[in-house]
Amino acid sequence: MAIDISTLHNDLASQPWVVSILTAPNTVPFNVTQTVRNHKFNAGREDSLTSATLNTADTFRAFLPVKTPTATNASETCTFFSLGDGMNGHEGILHGGIVSTCLDIGMAVPINASAFTAFLKIDFKQPLLTPNIVVCRARLTKREGRKFWIEGTLEDGHGTVYATGECLYVRAKPANL
């Protein structure tokens, strides 16, 4: 199933580097909404951080995860974020906790199942100016049973890497166990 560029949030559609990734022949969309404001909020339920707290025109304006499998890693993904300036730690600079949040969200995408963050290591490379469009590139590096090791980067489409991360996720146990 190809991505219909005409339905993209304007923030994403206006970036040629985003469109080039989304229109690549191996890119496959996940079945999620690209604009977080379309999520239905349920207090205390799954995704309330992105569907309520960070769901404004000044925070996460758009969100789109896609699978971008390569010859070396079938579980590689890109998660695009359109970030407003309502999450700054310093004037014009995204708060480091939100940088970590973007990596935590984006690095979980290759699992494509409910999982919990067991370990998260972030290396901050340089300040991320806002507003901005960024992508979290994530790849599965190891799996043992319900444990998934993921590496990722938070970057723009021009070669700037803002942060790198490593994470261990533990997939939730099935409800019937």
Protein backbone atom coordinates (compact mmCIF):
# COMPACT_ATOMS: atom_id res chain seq x y z
CA MET A 1 0.00 0.00 0.00
CA ALA A 2 1.58 3.27 -1.14
CA ILE A 3 1.43 6.51 0.79
CA ASP A 4 -0.99 9.05 -0.68
CA ILE A 5 1.02 12.28 -0.60
CA SER A 6 -2.13 14.37 -1.15
CA THR A 7 -3.36 13.34 2.31
CA LEU A 8 -0.17 14.34 4.17
CA HIS A 9 -0.17 17.02 6.82
CA ASN A 10 1.08 20.21 5.13
CA ASP A 11 4.14 20.39 7.43
CA LEU A 12 5.31 17.02 6.08
CA ALA A 13 4.15 17.48 2.47
CA SER A 14 6.08 20.76 2.18
CA GLN A 15 9.44 19.07 2.85
CA PRO A 16 11.00 17.50 -0.28
CA TRP A 17 13.26 15.26 1.83
CA VAL A 18 10.22 13.86 3.66
CA VAL A 19 8.31 13.27 0.43
CA SER A 20 11.33 11.50 -1.12
CA ILE A 21 11.43 8.99 1.76
CA LEU A 22 7.66 8.52 1.75
CA THR A 23 7.52 7.88 -2.00
CA ALA A 24 10.44 5.42 -2.08
CA PRO A 25 9.29 2.05 -3.44
CA ASN A 26 10.13 0.15 -0.22
CA THR A 27 8.34 2.55 2.17
CA VAL A 28 5.22 1.09 3.79
CA PRO A 29 2.85 3.08 6.04
CA PHE A 30 1.82 1.89 9.46
CA ASN A 31 -1.90 2.00 10.22
CA VAL A 32 -1.79 5.12 12.38
CA THR A 33 -3.00 8.66 11.94
CA GLN A 34 -0.39 11.20 10.87
CA THR A 35 -1.84 14.10 12.81
CA VAL A 36 -1.94 13.48 16.52
CA ARG A 37 -4.93 15.78 16.94
CA ASN A 38 -6.99 13.10 15.17
CA HIS A 39 -6.40 10.65 18.04
CA LYS A 40 -9.35 10.17 20.37
CA PHE A 41 -8.39 10.98 23.94
CA ASN A 42 -9.22 8.54 26.71
CA ALA A 43 -7.96 9.78 30.08
CA GLY A 44 -5.39 7.40 31.53
CA ARG A 45 -5.44 5.13 28.48
CA GLU A 46 -2.74 4.25 25.96
CA ASP A 47 -1.09 7.16 24.14
CA SER A 48 -2.59 9.90 26.33
CA LEU A 49 0.80 11.68 26.27
CA THR A 50 0.65 12.21 22.51
CA SER A 51 -3.14 12.26 22.12
CA ALA A 52 -3.74 14.86 24.85
CA THR A 53 -0.76 16.48 26.58
CA LEU A 54 1.42 16.92 23.48
CA ASN A 55 -1.47 17.31 21.09
CA THR A 56 -1.56 20.99 20.16
CA ALA A 57 -0.54 23.20 17.27
CA ASP A 58 2.50 24.26 19.35
CA THR A 59 3.69 20.76 20.32
CA PHE A 60 3.43 17.64 18.11
CA ARG A 61 1.75 19.07 15.01
CA ALA A 62 2.11 15.91 12.92
CA PHE A 63 3.38 12.40 13.48
CA LEU A 64 3.91 9.68 10.88
CA PRO A 65 5.72 6.35 11.31
CA VAL A 66 6.60 4.31 8.22
CA LYS A 67 8.46 1.08 7.63
CA THR A 68 11.50 1.60 5.42
CA PRO A 69 13.04 -1.87 5.12
CA THR A 70 16.52 -2.08 3.65
CA ALA A 71 18.52 -5.00 2.34
CA THR A 72 20.32 -5.25 5.70
CA ASN A 73 17.43 -4.67 8.12
CA ALA A 74 13.80 -5.62 7.46
CA SER A 75 12.70 -3.82 10.63
CA GLU A 76 14.01 -0.35 9.82
CA THR A 77 11.55 2.52 10.32
CA CYS A 78 11.29 6.29 10.01
CA THR A 79 9.00 8.29 12.29
CA PHE A 80 8.42 11.87 11.23
CA PHE A 81 7.59 14.59 13.76
CA SER A 82 6.49 18.15 13.06
CA LEU A 83 7.50 19.98 16.23
CA GLY A 84 6.14 23.32 17.35
CA ASP A 85 7.84 25.71 19.73
CA GLY A 86 5.63 24.90 22.73
CA MET A 87 8.07 22.34 24.16
CA ASN A 88 11.21 24.42 24.40
CA GLY A 89 13.68 24.21 27.27
CA HIS A 90 15.50 27.35 26.11
CA GLU A 91 14.30 29.99 23.68
CA GLY A 92 13.97 28.38 20.25
CA ILE A 93 15.48 25.06 21.43
CA LEU A 94 13.50 21.86 22.05
CA HIS A 95 13.66 20.56 25.64
CA GLY A 96 15.98 17.56 26.02
CA GLY A 97 13.19 15.54 27.62
CA ILE A 98 11.11 15.95 24.46
CA VAL A 99 14.11 14.94 22.32
CA SER A 100 14.24 11.79 24.47
CA THR A 101 10.47 11.33 24.08
CA CYS A 102 10.74 11.53 20.29
CA LEU A 103 13.48 8.89 20.30
CA ASP A 104 11.53 6.67 22.71
CA ILE A 105 8.42 6.89 20.53
CA GLY A 106 10.29 6.45 17.25
CA MET A 107 12.52 3.60 18.40
CA ALA A 108 9.48 1.60 19.55
CA VAL A 109 7.97 1.59 16.06
CA PRO A 110 9.97 -1.40 14.66
CA ILE A 111 8.45 -3.61 17.37
CA ASN A 112 4.92 -2.87 16.10
CA ALA A 113 3.38 -4.24 19.32
CA SER A 114 2.70 -3.07 22.85
CA ALA A 115 6.02 -2.85 24.71
CA PHE A 116 7.60 -1.18 27.71
CA THR A 117 10.83 0.80 27.80
CA ALA A 118 13.29 -1.07 30.04
CA PHE A 119 16.41 0.96 29.20
CA LEU A 120 16.90 4.19 27.27
CA LYS A 121 20.27 5.83 26.59
CA ILE A 122 20.40 9.14 24.75
CA ASP A 123 23.46 10.98 23.46
CA PHE A 124 22.65 14.61 22.66
CA LYS A 125 24.68 15.85 19.69
CA GLN A 126 23.42 19.41 19.23
CA PRO A 127 20.43 21.62 20.05
CA LEU A 128 17.26 21.01 18.04
CA LEU A 129 15.81 24.34 16.97
CA THR A 130 12.02 24.79 16.85
CA PRO A 131 9.75 24.77 15.01
CA ASN A 132 11.19 21.93 12.96
CA ILE A 133 10.50 18.72 11.03
CA VAL A 134 12.63 15.77 12.15
CA VAL A 135 12.76 12.02 11.67
CA CYS A 136 13.63 9.25 14.06
CA ARG A 137 15.37 6.49 12.11
CA ALA A 138 15.22 3.24 14.07
CA ARG A 139 16.52 -0.25 13.50
CA LEU A 140 16.17 -3.49 15.36
CA THR A 141 19.63 -4.76 16.31
CA LYS A 142 18.80 -7.82 18.42
CA ARG A 143 15.83 -9.82 19.66
CA GLU A 144 15.53 -12.48 22.35
CA GLY A 145 12.00 -13.65 23.06
CA ARG A 146 10.04 -10.58 24.25
CA LYS A 147 13.18 -8.37 24.43
CA PHE A 148 13.99 -5.99 21.57
CA TRP A 149 17.17 -3.91 21.27
CA ILE A 150 16.78 -0.87 19.06
CA GLU A 151 19.18 1.86 17.91
CA GLY A 152 18.02 5.18 16.52
CA THR A 153 18.85 8.70 15.50
CA LEU A 154 16.85 11.92 15.59
CA GLU A 155 17.81 13.99 12.59
CA ASP A 156 16.67 16.38 9.93
CA GLY A 157 16.71 15.72 6.21
CA HIS A 158 19.93 17.63 5.63
CA GLY A 159 22.42 15.43 7.48
CA THR A 160 22.13 17.02 10.93
CA VAL A 161 21.91 14.48 13.77
CA TYR A 162 20.47 15.97 16.97
CA ALA A 163 20.61 12.85 19.15
CA THR A 164 21.28 9.14 19.04
CA GLY A 165 19.72 6.50 21.21
CA GLU A 166 19.78 2.90 22.30
CA CYS A 167 16.80 1.23 23.89
CA LEU A 168 15.73 -2.10 25.29
CA TYR A 169 12.00 -2.71 25.04
CA VAL A 170 10.12 -5.61 26.58
CA ARG A 171 7.03 -6.66 24.70
CA ALA A 172 3.92 -6.92 26.87
CA LYS A 173 2.80 -10.40 27.81
CA PRO A 174 -0.33 -11.61 26.07
CA ALA A 175 -3.44 -10.92 28.15
CA ASN A 176 -4.34 -14.61 28.36
CA LEU A 177 -1.13 -15.63 30.20
